[in-house]
Protein backbone atom coordinates (compact mmCIF):
# COMPACT_ATOMS: atom_id res chain seq x y z
CA UNK A 1 -30.52 -116.75 0.51
CA UNK A 2 -31.09 -117.92 4.07
CA UNK A 3 -32.48 -115.72 6.94
CA UNK A 4 -30.75 -116.92 10.40
CA UNK A 5 -31.20 -115.01 13.53
CA UNK A 6 -27.78 -114.19 15.00
CA UNK A 7 -26.10 -115.46 11.71
CA UNK A 8 -25.76 -118.72 10.26
CA UNK A 9 -22.28 -119.71 10.81
CA UNK A 10 -23.48 -122.73 12.93
CA UNK A 11 -25.32 -124.18 9.76
CA UNK A 12 -23.55 -127.01 8.07
CA UNK A 13 -23.20 -125.49 4.56
CA UNK A 14 -21.20 -128.01 2.04
CA UNK A 15 -20.97 -126.24 -1.12
CA UNK A 16 -19.44 -128.00 -4.33
CA UNK A 17 -15.79 -127.06 -4.31
CA UNK A 18 -15.83 -126.92 -8.15
CA UNK A 19 -18.66 -124.35 -8.12
CA UNK A 20 -17.99 -122.15 -4.78
CA UNK A 21 -15.00 -120.61 -3.72
CA UNK A 22 -15.97 -119.43 -0.35
CA UNK A 23 -19.12 -118.94 1.90
CA UNK A 24 -19.54 -115.82 4.15
CA UNK A 25 -22.65 -115.01 5.98
CA UNK A 26 -23.57 -111.35 5.18
CA UNK A 27 -26.21 -108.65 5.60
CA UNK A 28 -27.81 -106.85 2.69
CA UNK A 29 -25.57 -103.92 2.75
CA UNK A 30 -22.36 -105.94 2.86
CA UNK A 31 -23.61 -108.00 -0.12
CA UNK A 32 -24.27 -104.99 -1.97
CA UNK A 33 -20.77 -103.46 -1.23
CA UNK A 34 -19.24 -107.22 -2.26
CA UNK A 35 -21.02 -107.10 -5.36
CA UNK A 36 -19.75 -103.71 -6.71
CA UNK A 37 -17.68 -104.11 -9.85
CA UNK A 38 -14.57 -102.54 -8.22
CA UNK A 39 -14.66 -104.94 -5.20
CA UNK A 40 -12.47 -107.56 -7.01
CA UNK A 41 -14.88 -110.35 -6.25
CA UNK A 42 -16.19 -112.57 -9.01
CA UNK A 43 -19.71 -113.46 -8.93
CA UNK A 44 -21.66 -115.82 -11.37
CA UNK A 45 -23.73 -113.77 -14.13
CA UNK A 46 -26.84 -115.54 -13.07
CA UNK A 47 -26.35 -114.27 -9.31
CA UNK A 48 -25.76 -110.94 -10.53
CA UNK A 49 -28.95 -111.00 -12.36
CA UNK A 50 -31.05 -112.50 -9.52
CA UNK A 51 -29.33 -109.71 -7.28
CA UNK A 52 -30.61 -106.82 -9.56
CA UNK A 53 -34.01 -108.26 -10.68
CA UNK A 54 -35.19 -110.17 -7.55
CA UNK A 55 -33.14 -109.95 -4.26
CA UNK A 56 -34.15 -106.42 -3.39
CA UNK A 57 -37.94 -107.27 -3.53
CA UNK A 58 -37.26 -110.56 -1.52
CA UNK A 59 -35.06 -109.08 1.12
CA UNK A 60 -37.50 -106.16 1.77
CA UNK A 61 -40.04 -108.62 2.90
CA UNK A 62 -37.65 -111.54 3.93
CA UNK A 63 -39.99 -113.01 6.57
CA UNK A 64 -42.89 -113.41 3.86
CA UNK A 65 -40.58 -114.60 1.20
CA UNK A 66 -39.24 -117.30 3.32
CA UNK A 67 -42.51 -118.55 4.86
CA UNK A 68 -45.11 -118.02 2.07
CA UNK A 69 -45.40 -118.53 -1.71
CA UNK A 70 -45.95 -114.71 -1.93
CA UNK A 71 -42.90 -114.36 -4.50
CA UNK A 72 -43.60 -117.56 -6.35
CA UNK A 73 -45.15 -116.43 -9.60
CA UNK A 74 -45.12 -119.70 -11.34
CA UNK A 75 -43.29 -118.24 -14.22
CA UNK A 76 -40.23 -119.44 -16.03
CA UNK A 77 -38.02 -116.30 -16.07
CA UNK A 78 -35.53 -116.11 -19.05
CA UNK A 79 -32.16 -114.54 -17.53
CA UNK A 80 -30.25 -112.99 -20.36
């Protein structure tokens, strides 16, 4: 998750081709649409859990989430 003014297309993202099929810069609403079960897109189970459990709170306060440790709770979260 990266917040970039004006989009992040100019950033040199080099994902592992064995793990990532595509990279696309999207806003919150578009990501929500893309993650719908009927979208036909595949997501890793762990990312679906992160989106459901954490991403909303982070995105609501993105500046704070990216510039402070406000959302670092020091816990190891079990994601099952």
